[in-house]
N, C-alpha and C. Protein backbone atom coordinates (compact mmCIF):
# COMPACT_ATOMS: atom_id res chain seq x y z
N MET A 1 0.98 -1.11 -0.13
CA MET A 1 -0.17 -0.15 0.16
C MET A 1 1.02 1.11 -0.18
N ILE A 2 0.59 1.94 -0.83
CA ILE A 2 1.48 3.62 -1.15
C ILE A 2 0.69 4.32 -0.75
N TYR A 3 1.18 5.36 0.09
CA TYR A 3 0.45 6.80 0.76
C TYR A 3 1.39 7.84 0.40
N ALA A 4 0.60 9.04 -0.70
CA ALA A 4 1.28 10.25 -1.34
C ALA A 4 0.82 11.12 -0.10
N VAL A 5 1.76 11.72 0.58
CA VAL A 5 1.66 12.62 1.65
C VAL A 5 1.67 14.02 0.91
N GLY A 6 1.34 15.40 0.45
CA GLY A 6 1.61 16.42 -0.02
C GLY A 6 0.80 17.55 0.73
N GLY A 7 1.29 18.61 0.28
CA GLY A 7 0.48 19.78 0.65
C GLY A 7 1.07 20.83 0.20
N LEU A 8 1.03 22.56 0.52
CA LEU A 8 1.38 23.52 -0.11
C LEU A 8 2.77 23.96 0.13
N LYS A 9 3.16 23.93 1.46
CA LYS A 9 4.66 24.48 1.44
C LYS A 9 4.78 24.06 3.35
N GLY A 10 5.62 24.07 3.43
CA GLY A 10 6.26 23.85 4.69
C GLY A 10 5.54 24.91 5.98
N GLY A 11 5.74 23.64 6.84
CA GLY A 11 5.58 23.91 7.91
C GLY A 11 3.66 23.60 7.93
N VAL A 12 3.19 22.90 7.78
CA VAL A 12 1.70 22.50 7.89
C VAL A 12 2.23 21.36 8.68
N GLY A 13 2.63 20.55 8.57
CA GLY A 13 2.44 19.68 9.68
C GLY A 13 2.76 17.98 8.42
N LYS A 14 3.27 18.06 7.13
CA LYS A 14 3.19 17.19 6.07
C LYS A 14 4.26 15.67 6.74
N THR A 15 5.48 16.15 6.99
CA THR A 15 6.61 15.23 7.49
C THR A 15 5.94 14.61 8.96
N THR A 16 5.37 15.15 9.54
CA THR A 16 4.78 14.80 11.18
C THR A 16 3.92 13.76 10.72
N PHE A 17 2.91 14.43 9.93
CA PHE A 17 2.02 13.31 9.83
C PHE A 17 2.39 11.74 8.94
N ALA A 18 3.13 12.54 7.89
CA ALA A 18 3.90 11.18 7.23
C ALA A 18 4.83 9.92 8.26
N MET A 19 5.90 10.59 9.27
CA MET A 19 6.04 9.89 10.30
C MET A 19 5.40 9.26 11.33
N TYR A 20 4.06 9.89 11.62
CA TYR A 20 3.03 9.00 12.43
C TYR A 20 2.57 7.92 11.71
N LEU A 21 2.16 8.37 10.22
CA LEU A 21 1.52 7.48 9.57
C LEU A 21 2.16 6.23 9.99
N ALA A 22 3.88 6.22 9.49
CA ALA A 22 4.33 4.97 9.42
C ALA A 22 4.23 4.68 10.50
N LEU A 23 4.39 5.13 12.09
CA LEU A 23 4.37 4.62 13.03
C LEU A 23 2.86 3.67 13.50
N TYR A 24 1.80 4.36 12.80
CA TYR A 24 0.53 3.83 13.13
C TYR A 24 0.79 2.24 12.36
N TRP A 25 1.07 1.94 10.96
CA TRP A 25 1.46 0.92 10.51
C TRP A 25 2.44 -0.08 10.72
N ALA A 26 3.65 0.26 11.46
CA ALA A 26 4.53 -0.29 12.03
C ALA A 26 3.92 -1.16 13.29
N ARG A 27 3.14 0.03 14.16
CA ARG A 27 2.66 -1.06 15.70
C ARG A 27 1.67 -1.93 15.05
N LYS A 28 1.22 -1.77 14.00
CA LYS A 28 0.31 -2.97 13.42
C LYS A 28 1.10 -4.34 12.73
N ASN A 29 2.39 -4.27 12.93
CA ASN A 29 3.31 -5.39 12.47
C ASN A 29 3.19 -5.38 10.93
N LYS A 30 3.44 -4.19 10.50
CA LYS A 30 3.58 -4.16 8.99
C LYS A 30 5.15 -3.73 8.96
N ARG A 31 5.46 -4.13 7.46
CA ARG A 31 6.95 -3.49 7.14
C ARG A 31 6.55 -2.49 6.47
N VAL A 32 7.06 -1.18 7.04
CA VAL A 32 7.25 -0.01 6.73
C VAL A 32 8.06 1.04 6.14
N LEU A 33 8.11 1.91 4.80
CA LEU A 33 9.43 2.08 4.55
C LEU A 33 8.61 3.47 4.46
N VAL A 34 9.67 4.63 4.48
CA VAL A 34 9.26 6.31 4.53
C VAL A 34 10.21 6.38 3.67
N LEU A 35 9.51 7.17 2.52
CA LEU A 35 10.54 7.96 1.12
C LEU A 35 10.42 9.14 1.32
N ASP A 36 11.43 9.80 2.13
CA ASP A 36 12.03 11.36 2.09
C ASP A 36 11.86 11.74 0.53
N ALA A 37 10.68 12.43 0.09
CA ALA A 37 11.15 12.68 -1.16
C ALA A 37 11.13 13.84 -1.51
N ASP A 38 11.41 15.18 -0.88
CA ASP A 38 11.16 16.22 -0.29
C ASP A 38 12.97 17.01 -1.15
N PRO A 39 12.41 17.37 -2.24
CA PRO A 39 13.97 18.33 -3.12
C PRO A 39 14.29 19.17 -2.42
N ILE A 40 13.41 19.76 -1.37
CA ILE A 40 14.26 21.14 -0.39
C ILE A 40 14.76 20.55 0.96
N SER A 41 13.73 20.40 1.67
CA SER A 41 13.95 19.88 2.99
C SER A 41 14.18 18.52 3.27
N SER A 42 15.13 17.75 3.39
CA SER A 42 15.02 16.83 4.38
C SER A 42 14.59 16.11 5.67
N SER A 43 13.32 17.04 5.82
CA SER A 43 13.16 17.09 7.06
C SER A 43 13.03 15.42 7.79
N ALA A 44 12.00 14.35 6.50
CA ALA A 44 12.21 13.30 7.60
C ALA A 44 13.52 12.64 7.78
N PHE A 45 14.29 12.54 6.80
CA PHE A 45 15.52 11.87 7.08
C PHE A 45 16.11 12.78 8.12
N ASP A 46 16.05 14.13 8.41
CA ASP A 46 16.80 14.66 9.52
C ASP A 46 16.38 13.78 10.78
N TRP A 47 14.94 14.01 10.82
CA TRP A 47 14.24 13.67 11.97
C TRP A 47 14.63 11.89 12.34
N TYR A 48 14.52 11.30 11.33
CA TYR A 48 14.92 9.68 11.10
C TYR A 48 16.23 9.29 11.85
N GLU A 49 17.20 10.06 11.31
CA GLU A 49 18.80 10.11 11.67
C GLU A 49 18.52 10.34 13.27
N GLU A 50 18.69 11.44 13.36
CA GLU A 50 18.46 12.00 15.04
C GLU A 50 17.42 10.75 15.87
N ALA A 51 16.58 10.63 15.42
CA ALA A 51 15.77 9.81 16.52
C ALA A 51 16.35 8.16 16.74
N ARG A 52 17.15 7.56 15.57
CA ARG A 52 17.51 6.45 15.78
C ARG A 52 19.18 6.35 16.66
N ARG A 53 19.33 7.79 17.01
CA ARG A 53 20.59 7.72 18.11
C ARG A 53 20.39 6.76 19.04
N THR A 54 19.07 7.61 19.35
CA THR A 54 18.32 6.97 20.94
C THR A 54 17.43 5.85 21.06
N ALA A 55 16.81 5.40 19.68
CA ALA A 55 15.93 4.69 20.17
C ALA A 55 15.93 3.60 18.36
N GLU A 56 15.34 2.61 18.50
CA GLU A 56 15.36 1.65 17.26
C GLU A 56 14.32 2.19 16.72
N MET A 57 14.28 2.42 15.66
CA MET A 57 13.09 2.87 14.74
C MET A 57 12.06 1.78 14.29
N PRO A 58 11.09 1.72 14.38
CA PRO A 58 10.20 0.62 13.60
C PRO A 58 9.96 0.21 12.42
N PHE A 59 10.14 1.48 11.71
CA PHE A 59 10.37 1.27 10.42
C PHE A 59 11.16 2.02 9.67
N ASP A 60 11.95 1.69 8.16
CA ASP A 60 12.92 2.07 7.54
C ASP A 60 12.73 3.11 6.88
N LEU A 61 13.96 4.31 6.40
CA LEU A 61 13.66 5.60 5.57
C LEU A 61 14.95 5.75 4.46
N GLU A 62 14.12 5.85 3.10
CA GLU A 62 14.92 6.17 2.09
C GLU A 62 15.03 7.72 1.88
N ILE A 63 15.88 8.26 0.89
CA ILE A 63 15.96 9.59 0.32
C ILE A 63 15.67 9.24 -1.21
N CYS A 64 14.67 9.83 -1.62
CA CYS A 64 14.30 9.36 -3.17
C CYS A 64 13.82 10.73 -3.92
N PRO A 65 14.29 12.06 -4.00
CA PRO A 65 13.45 13.26 -4.19
C PRO A 65 13.51 13.04 -6.04
N SER A 66 12.55 11.96 -6.32
CA SER A 66 12.76 11.74 -8.21
C SER A 66 11.23 12.38 -8.52
N ASN A 67 11.10 12.98 -10.08
CA ASN A 67 10.17 12.98 -10.47
C ASN A 67 9.24 11.48 -11.48
N GLU A 68 10.57 10.69 -11.06
CA GLU A 68 10.18 9.46 -11.70
C GLU A 68 9.49 8.26 -10.89
N LEU A 69 9.25 8.43 -9.78
CA LEU A 69 8.74 7.89 -8.58
C LEU A 69 7.96 6.84 -8.77
N ASP A 70 6.86 7.04 -9.64
CA ASP A 70 6.24 5.89 -10.45
C ASP A 70 6.88 4.88 -10.88
N LYS A 71 7.48 4.88 -11.73
CA LYS A 71 8.39 4.01 -12.34
C LYS A 71 9.56 3.44 -11.13
N ILE A 72 9.89 4.23 -10.04
CA ILE A 72 10.84 3.60 -9.18
C ILE A 72 10.07 2.87 -8.48
N LEU A 73 8.98 2.89 -8.18
CA LEU A 73 8.13 2.36 -6.91
C LEU A 73 7.81 1.18 -7.52
N ALA A 74 7.74 1.00 -8.79
CA ALA A 74 7.16 -0.48 -9.40
C ALA A 74 7.87 -1.45 -9.69
N VAL A 75 9.57 -1.10 -9.42
CA VAL A 75 10.35 -1.58 -9.11
C VAL A 75 11.39 -2.07 -7.96
N ARG A 76 11.30 -1.16 -7.05
CA ARG A 76 11.54 -1.10 -5.85
C ARG A 76 11.03 -1.36 -4.71
N TRP A 77 11.69 -1.78 -3.40
CA TRP A 77 11.25 -1.89 -2.15
C TRP A 77 9.59 -2.51 -2.25
N LEU A 78 9.39 -3.46 -3.18
CA LEU A 78 8.79 -4.24 -3.17
C LEU A 78 7.89 -5.10 -1.85
N ASP A 79 8.80 -5.39 -1.09
CA ASP A 79 9.00 -5.82 -0.16
C ASP A 79 8.58 -5.89 0.96
N TYR A 80 7.96 -4.09 1.01
CA TYR A 80 7.45 -3.70 2.10
C TYR A 80 5.85 -3.60 1.77
N ASP A 81 5.36 -3.65 3.37
CA ASP A 81 3.64 -3.99 3.31
C ASP A 81 3.35 -2.33 3.47
N VAL A 82 3.73 -1.12 3.16
CA VAL A 82 3.30 0.01 3.37
C VAL A 82 4.22 0.93 2.91
N VAL A 83 4.42 1.99 1.79
CA VAL A 83 5.54 2.70 1.62
C VAL A 83 4.73 4.25 1.54
N VAL A 84 5.39 5.00 2.80
CA VAL A 84 4.88 6.56 2.73
C VAL A 84 5.73 7.26 2.21
N VAL A 85 5.51 8.08 1.33
CA VAL A 85 6.02 8.98 0.80
C VAL A 85 5.31 10.26 0.97
N ASP A 86 6.83 10.93 1.81
CA ASP A 86 6.81 12.55 2.14
C ASP A 86 7.10 13.30 0.56
N CYS A 87 6.32 13.79 -0.54
CA CYS A 87 6.39 14.85 -1.39
C CYS A 87 6.50 16.09 -1.01
N GLY A 88 6.94 16.55 0.00
CA GLY A 88 7.25 18.05 0.29
C GLY A 88 6.27 18.81 -0.67
N GLY A 89 6.51 20.06 -0.37
CA GLY A 89 5.47 21.23 -1.24
C GLY A 89 6.05 21.89 -2.01
N GLU A 90 7.47 21.83 -2.29
CA GLU A 90 7.89 22.23 -3.60
C GLU A 90 8.19 21.77 -5.01
N SER A 91 7.71 20.62 -5.14
CA SER A 91 7.62 20.04 -6.45
C SER A 91 6.78 18.98 -6.94
N ALA A 92 6.00 19.60 -7.96
CA ALA A 92 4.80 19.11 -8.55
C ALA A 92 5.46 17.73 -9.47
N GLY A 93 6.65 17.43 -9.64
CA GLY A 93 6.75 16.50 -10.52
C GLY A 93 6.84 15.37 -9.24
N VAL A 94 7.30 15.69 -8.21
CA VAL A 94 7.48 14.04 -7.42
C VAL A 94 5.64 14.30 -6.61
N TRP A 95 5.22 15.29 -6.82
CA TRP A 95 3.92 14.94 -6.12
C TRP A 95 3.18 14.19 -7.63
N THR A 96 3.20 14.76 -8.84
CA THR A 96 2.28 13.83 -9.65
C THR A 96 2.58 12.31 -9.78
N SER A 97 4.15 12.08 -9.86
CA SER A 97 4.40 10.95 -10.07
C SER A 97 4.40 9.88 -9.28
N THR A 98 4.07 10.62 -7.64
CA THR A 98 4.04 9.42 -7.01
C THR A 98 2.17 9.31 -6.76
N VAL A 99 1.47 10.22 -6.87
CA VAL A 99 0.26 10.00 -6.94
C VAL A 99 -0.42 8.84 -7.98
N ARG A 100 0.44 9.14 -9.17
CA ARG A 100 0.23 8.10 -9.86
C ARG A 100 -0.10 6.88 -9.63
N VAL A 101 0.66 5.92 -8.93
CA VAL A 101 0.94 4.71 -8.67
C VAL A 101 0.46 4.69 -6.81
N CYS A 102 -0.15 5.50 -6.25
CA CYS A 102 -0.16 5.43 -4.62
C CYS A 102 -1.81 4.79 -4.98
N ASP A 103 -2.08 4.37 -3.43
CA ASP A 103 -3.29 3.87 -3.32
C ASP A 103 -4.40 5.05 -2.41
N HIS A 104 -3.57 5.86 -1.51
CA HIS A 104 -4.02 6.80 -0.84
C HIS A 104 -3.28 8.46 -0.78
N PHE A 105 -3.93 9.54 -1.26
CA PHE A 105 -3.19 10.49 -0.81
C PHE A 105 -3.74 11.42 -0.07
N ALA A 106 -2.53 11.93 0.83
CA ALA A 106 -3.15 13.09 1.71
C ALA A 106 -2.51 14.14 1.23
N VAL A 107 -3.55 15.16 1.46
CA VAL A 107 -3.39 16.84 1.26
C VAL A 107 -3.36 17.16 2.59
N VAL A 108 -2.34 17.84 2.95
CA VAL A 108 -2.26 18.40 4.26
C VAL A 108 -2.07 19.62 4.51
N VAL A 109 -3.40 20.52 5.16
CA VAL A 109 -3.44 22.02 4.96
C VAL A 109 -3.88 22.50 6.53
N ALA A 110 -3.17 23.58 6.66
CA ALA A 110 -3.61 24.55 7.98
C ALA A 110 -4.75 25.09 7.85
N PRO A 111 -5.29 25.45 8.43
CA PRO A 111 -6.78 26.16 8.47
C PRO A 111 -6.61 27.78 8.59
N LYS A 112 -5.73 27.98 7.08
CA LYS A 112 -5.25 29.68 7.03
C LYS A 112 -6.39 29.84 5.35
N LYS A 113 -6.79 31.18 5.50
CA LYS A 113 -7.08 31.51 4.44
C LYS A 113 -6.49 31.85 3.11
N ALA A 114 -5.26 31.72 3.30
CA ALA A 114 -4.21 31.38 2.15
C ALA A 114 -4.11 29.92 1.59
N GLU A 115 -3.66 29.28 2.57
CA GLU A 115 -3.94 28.06 2.21
C GLU A 115 -5.03 27.53 1.78
N VAL A 116 -6.32 27.71 2.42
CA VAL A 116 -7.33 27.05 1.97
C VAL A 116 -7.87 27.26 0.40
N LYS A 117 -7.41 28.41 0.28
CA LYS A 117 -7.98 29.38 -1.05
C LYS A 117 -7.15 28.50 -2.13
N LYS A 118 -5.45 28.00 -1.80
CA LYS A 118 -4.70 27.41 -2.94
C LYS A 118 -5.14 25.52 -3.22
N VAL A 119 -5.82 25.00 -1.82
CA VAL A 119 -5.46 23.78 -1.94
C VAL A 119 -5.95 22.71 -3.14
N LYS A 120 -7.07 23.49 -3.58
CA LYS A 120 -7.74 22.86 -4.57
C LYS A 120 -7.29 22.68 -5.60
N GLY A 121 -5.95 23.50 -5.93
CA GLY A 121 -4.81 23.38 -7.05
C GLY A 121 -4.23 22.28 -7.05
N THR A 122 -3.47 21.95 -5.45
CA THR A 122 -2.94 20.83 -5.41
C THR A 122 -3.81 19.24 -5.64
N PHE A 123 -5.18 19.63 -5.16
CA PHE A 123 -6.03 18.49 -4.87
C PHE A 123 -6.23 18.14 -6.68
N ASP A 124 -6.26 18.94 -7.26
CA ASP A 124 -6.90 18.64 -8.66
C ASP A 124 -5.71 18.40 -9.31
N THR A 125 -4.51 19.02 -9.26
CA THR A 125 -3.17 18.11 -9.74
C THR A 125 -2.93 16.54 -9.64
N ALA A 126 -3.52 16.35 -8.71
CA ALA A 126 -3.23 15.01 -7.96
C ALA A 126 -4.53 14.25 -8.83
N VAL A 127 -5.62 14.46 -8.77
CA VAL A 127 -6.57 14.00 -9.48
C VAL A 127 -6.55 13.66 -10.90
N ASP A 128 -6.01 15.05 -11.59
CA ASP A 128 -5.69 14.69 -13.06
C ASP A 128 -4.65 13.73 -13.25
N ALA A 129 -3.69 13.36 -12.34
CA ALA A 129 -2.52 12.70 -12.47
C ALA A 129 -2.60 11.07 -12.53
N ILE A 130 -3.90 11.11 -11.49
CA ILE A 130 -4.61 9.51 -11.36
C ILE A 130 -5.53 9.49 -12.33
N GLY A 131 -6.13 10.64 -13.04
CA GLY A 131 -6.88 9.88 -13.79
C GLY A 131 -6.15 9.73 -15.08
N GLN A 132 -5.20 10.42 -15.67
CA GLN A 132 -4.30 10.05 -16.86
C GLN A 132 -3.81 8.42 -16.62
N ALA A 133 -3.48 8.25 -15.49
CA ALA A 133 -3.08 7.03 -15.32
C ALA A 133 -4.21 5.87 -15.44
N GLY A 134 -5.18 6.50 -15.33
CA GLY A 134 -6.66 5.42 -15.46
C GLY A 134 -6.73 4.59 -14.06
N ARG A 135 -6.60 5.39 -13.19
CA ARG A 135 -6.82 4.71 -11.64
C ARG A 135 -7.35 5.25 -10.91
N LEU A 136 -8.24 6.31 -11.11
CA LEU A 136 -9.21 7.18 -10.04
C LEU A 136 -10.35 6.20 -9.14
N SER A 137 -10.85 5.05 -9.68
CA SER A 137 -11.37 4.21 -8.85
C SER A 137 -10.50 3.50 -7.99
N ASP A 138 -9.08 3.35 -7.95
CA ASP A 138 -8.20 2.54 -7.02
C ASP A 138 -7.75 3.41 -6.04
N VAL A 139 -7.84 4.81 -6.06
CA VAL A 139 -6.89 5.83 -5.01
C VAL A 139 -7.90 6.59 -4.40
N THR A 140 -7.86 6.34 -3.13
CA THR A 140 -8.92 7.30 -1.97
C THR A 140 -8.01 8.48 -1.61
N PRO A 141 -8.50 9.44 -1.83
CA PRO A 141 -8.07 10.75 -1.66
C PRO A 141 -8.61 11.55 0.11
N HIS A 142 -7.88 12.19 0.48
CA HIS A 142 -8.24 12.58 1.96
C HIS A 142 -7.40 14.58 2.00
N VAL A 143 -8.27 14.96 2.49
CA VAL A 143 -7.70 16.12 2.75
C VAL A 143 -7.91 16.09 4.82
N ILE A 144 -6.68 16.67 5.13
CA ILE A 144 -6.79 16.39 6.45
C ILE A 144 -6.67 18.12 6.87
N LEU A 145 -6.87 18.69 8.35
CA LEU A 145 -6.62 19.99 8.81
C LEU A 145 -5.46 19.72 9.93
N THR A 146 -4.55 20.38 10.01
CA THR A 146 -3.39 20.14 10.91
C THR A 146 -3.05 21.44 11.29
N ARG A 147 -2.37 21.39 12.31
CA ARG A 147 -1.92 22.44 13.13
C ARG A 147 -3.16 23.88 13.44
N VAL A 148 -4.42 23.00 14.08
CA VAL A 148 -5.60 23.55 14.38
C VAL A 148 -5.64 24.46 15.52
N LYS A 149 -5.67 25.55 15.72
CA LYS A 149 -6.10 26.40 16.87
C LYS A 149 -6.95 26.57 17.55
N THR A 150 -7.50 25.75 18.37
CA THR A 150 -8.81 25.38 18.85
C THR A 150 -9.39 26.46 19.59
N SER A 151 -8.82 27.60 19.93
CA SER A 151 -9.15 28.66 20.56
C SER A 151 -9.84 29.61 19.39
N ARG A 152 -9.25 29.37 17.83
CA ARG A 152 -10.31 30.18 16.94
C ARG A 152 -11.13 29.83 16.83
N ASP A 153 -11.83 28.84 17.40
CA ASP A 153 -13.42 28.19 17.23
C ASP A 153 -14.37 28.99 17.98
N GLN A 154 -14.11 29.77 18.65
CA GLN A 154 -14.59 30.56 19.68
C GLN A 154 -15.49 31.52 19.03
N GLY A 155 -16.87 32.59 19.55
CA GLY A 155 -16.93 33.84 18.99
C GLY A 155 -18.21 33.33 18.08
N GLU A 156 -18.76 34.95 17.29
CA GLU A 156 -19.94 34.58 16.31
C GLU A 156 -19.46 34.01 14.89
N ASN A 157 -18.20 34.19 14.94
CA ASN A 157 -17.33 33.81 13.49
C ASN A 157 -16.10 33.07 13.38
N PRO A 158 -16.84 31.67 14.04
CA PRO A 158 -15.25 30.92 14.14
C PRO A 158 -14.99 30.85 13.28
N HIS A 159 -13.31 30.60 13.35
CA HIS A 159 -12.44 30.76 12.16
C HIS A 159 -12.36 29.37 11.58
N ASN A 160 -12.01 28.04 12.68
CA ASN A 160 -12.11 27.21 11.89
C ASN A 160 -12.59 26.78 11.36
N LYS A 161 -14.28 26.74 11.91
CA LYS A 161 -15.31 26.47 11.74
C LYS A 161 -15.69 27.03 9.84
N ILE A 162 -15.23 28.02 9.66
CA ILE A 162 -15.86 28.82 8.44
C ILE A 162 -14.72 28.25 7.80
N MET A 163 -13.25 27.87 7.99
CA MET A 163 -12.21 27.31 6.67
C MET A 163 -12.71 26.17 6.30
N ARG A 164 -13.05 24.91 7.59
CA ARG A 164 -13.72 23.66 6.99
C ARG A 164 -14.99 23.43 5.94
N GLU A 165 -15.75 24.65 6.29
CA GLU A 165 -16.51 24.72 5.27
C GLU A 165 -16.56 25.24 3.67
N LYS A 166 -15.30 26.30 4.28
CA LYS A 166 -15.01 26.50 2.74
C LYS A 166 -14.45 25.32 2.04
N LEU A 167 -13.52 24.37 2.39
CA LEU A 167 -13.11 23.03 1.96
C LEU A 167 -14.13 21.92 1.48
N LEU A 168 -14.82 22.13 2.41
CA LEU A 168 -16.45 21.32 2.06
C LEU A 168 -16.72 21.94 0.36
N ASP A 169 -17.52 23.30 0.47
CA ASP A 169 -17.73 23.98 -0.24
C ASP A 169 -17.07 23.52 -1.64
N LEU A 170 -15.79 23.50 -1.44
CA LEU A 170 -14.58 23.18 -2.86
C LEU A 170 -14.99 21.72 -2.86
N GLY A 171 -15.70 21.00 -2.62
CA GLY A 171 -15.68 19.76 -2.64
C GLY A 171 -14.75 18.76 -2.41
N MET A 172 -13.71 19.49 -1.51
CA MET A 172 -12.59 18.57 -0.61
C MET A 172 -13.10 17.57 0.00
N PRO A 173 -12.77 16.34 0.22
CA PRO A 173 -13.01 15.33 1.07
C PRO A 173 -12.19 15.62 2.06
N LEU A 174 -12.74 16.06 3.18
CA LEU A 174 -12.29 16.57 4.23
C LEU A 174 -12.67 15.23 5.58
N LEU A 175 -11.58 15.01 6.36
CA LEU A 175 -11.91 14.01 7.39
C LEU A 175 -12.60 15.04 8.64
N GLY A 176 -13.39 14.18 9.16
CA GLY A 176 -13.89 15.25 10.07
C GLY A 176 -13.01 15.23 11.41
N HIS A 177 -11.80 14.04 11.64
CA HIS A 177 -11.01 14.51 12.63
C HIS A 177 -9.66 15.26 11.95
N GLU A 178 -9.33 16.03 12.61
CA GLU A 178 -8.29 16.94 12.79
C GLU A 178 -7.22 16.76 13.81
N VAL A 179 -5.92 17.47 13.44
CA VAL A 179 -4.55 17.52 14.44
C VAL A 179 -4.73 19.28 14.64
N PRO A 180 -4.64 19.27 16.01
CA PRO A 180 -4.95 20.62 16.99
C PRO A 180 -2.94 20.73 16.88
N ASP A 181 -2.95 22.26 16.71
CA ASP A 181 -1.72 22.38 17.14
C ASP A 181 -1.14 22.38 18.08
N HIS A 182 -0.71 21.29 18.76
CA HIS A 182 -0.09 20.97 20.50
C HIS A 182 0.97 20.98 20.29
N ALA A 183 1.79 21.03 21.00
CA ALA A 183 3.12 21.62 21.54
C ALA A 183 3.64 20.16 21.28
N GLU A 184 2.86 19.09 21.64
CA GLU A 184 3.57 17.74 21.91
C GLU A 184 4.08 16.98 20.53
N TYR A 185 3.42 17.56 19.31
CA TYR A 185 3.61 17.21 18.12
C TYR A 185 5.06 17.48 17.30
N GLU A 186 5.17 19.14 17.94
CA GLU A 186 6.33 19.53 17.50
C GLU A 186 7.44 19.04 18.72
N ASP A 187 7.18 18.71 19.69
CA ASP A 187 8.15 17.98 20.66
C ASP A 187 8.60 16.69 20.01
N ALA A 188 7.63 15.88 19.58
CA ALA A 188 7.77 14.77 18.87
C ALA A 188 8.89 14.29 17.78
N VAL A 189 9.61 15.83 17.31
CA VAL A 189 10.23 15.87 16.33
C VAL A 189 11.88 15.11 16.60
N ASP A 190 12.33 14.29 16.15
CA ASP A 190 13.55 13.67 16.25
C ASP A 190 13.71 12.23 17.58
N THR A 191 12.31 12.18 17.33
CA THR A 191 12.16 11.11 18.48
C THR A 191 10.99 10.03 17.71
N VAL A 192 10.98 8.91 18.54
CA VAL A 192 9.65 7.81 18.29
C VAL A 192 8.79 8.08 18.94
N PRO A 193 7.96 8.92 18.55
CA PRO A 193 6.46 9.26 19.68
C PRO A 193 6.12 7.78 20.19
N ARG A 194 6.01 8.14 21.82
CA ARG A 194 5.10 7.01 22.35
C ARG A 194 3.68 6.64 22.13
N ARG A 195 2.81 7.84 21.87
CA ARG A 195 1.41 7.87 21.68
C ARG A 195 1.14 7.95 20.37
N LEU A 196 0.36 7.66 19.29
CA LEU A 196 -0.37 8.59 18.38
C LEU A 196 -1.06 9.61 18.34
N GLY A 197 -1.58 9.92 19.69
CA GLY A 197 -2.38 10.74 19.91
C GLY A 197 -3.74 11.49 19.19
N HIS A 198 -4.07 12.52 18.19
CA HIS A 198 -4.95 12.77 17.62
C HIS A 198 -4.58 12.28 16.60
N TYR A 199 -3.45 11.95 15.91
CA TYR A 199 -3.51 10.98 14.60
C TYR A 199 -3.92 9.54 14.74
N LEU A 200 -4.42 9.06 15.89
CA LEU A 200 -4.97 7.89 15.68
C LEU A 200 -6.31 7.88 14.89
N PRO A 201 -7.22 8.80 15.76
CA PRO A 201 -8.43 8.87 15.11
C PRO A 201 -8.52 9.02 13.45
N VAL A 202 -7.51 10.04 13.17
CA VAL A 202 -7.27 10.44 11.93
C VAL A 202 -7.21 9.48 10.73
N PHE A 203 -6.17 8.45 11.55
CA PHE A 203 -5.75 7.27 10.54
C PHE A 203 -7.05 6.32 10.57
N ASP A 204 -7.72 6.26 11.82
CA ASP A 204 -8.37 5.17 11.76
C ASP A 204 -10.10 5.48 10.47
N GLU A 205 -10.15 6.95 10.68
CA GLU A 205 -11.24 7.30 9.99
C GLU A 205 -10.59 6.94 7.99
N MET A 206 -9.44 7.14 8.12
CA MET A 206 -8.94 7.13 6.38
C MET A 206 -9.14 5.87 5.96
N HIS A 207 -9.37 4.59 6.89
CA HIS A 207 -9.03 3.59 6.82
C HIS A 207 -10.54 2.54 6.99
N GLU A 208 -11.76 3.42 6.96
CA GLU A 208 -12.76 2.88 7.85
C GLU A 208 -13.69 2.66 6.38
N VAL A 209 -13.78 2.82 4.85
CA VAL A 209 -13.92 2.24 4.46
C VAL A 209 -13.73 0.81 3.98
N GLU A 210 -12.25 0.99 3.92
CA GLU A 210 -11.84 -0.26 3.59
C GLU A 210 -12.12 -1.13 4.80
N GLU A 211 -11.96 -0.92 6.01
CA GLU A 211 -11.87 -2.01 6.90
C GLU A 211 -13.80 -2.72 6.96
N ALA A 212 -14.69 -1.81 6.74
CA ALA A 212 -16.19 -2.10 6.44
C ALA A 212 -16.31 -2.99 5.13
N ALA A 213 -15.56 -2.89 4.13
CA ALA A 213 -15.51 -3.54 3.13
C ALA A 213 -14.84 -5.08 3.53
């Protein structure tokens, strides 16, 4: 099973999402590989290398920022149960090549006006690439709100609620569960997190349809 994790830019939690997703499957006794495919910033690799100094990593990691990941994934790393590709936010080539062969793609976005306004372009790019590969019925899309400041859901014009509604109005497959802007997730960088926290219900929701089937 291949996951493509992407977003608009750095700082929205893509790498954190990818690392927690890898941990989610590793704890289900799956053999998991994370691919750091970000051509600008190898955040996943840096996290992995720092964490392995003090703890045994429950999954593997490779660097492969290639615009031909669709071809590479077809012939390499086939002995893994799950491959999570951290696509970064700076390369359309990495993103489109990965979504062509993925089973799930996840667009990670913060509830900010500028990001919500642009997220449809990232999402539609993925859908177009999957359609050209003739795999629309084979891929499950997800949009996930991260770094959500819960304090902004108060008052007469709750910011986060408005951002959620905008995403839904755009036809985005927005998950009901979201990841708040908690310090514990920032502190988890360079470690092997002990708990999945708010990521657990997010990942469970991502796979509800498959489990029901």
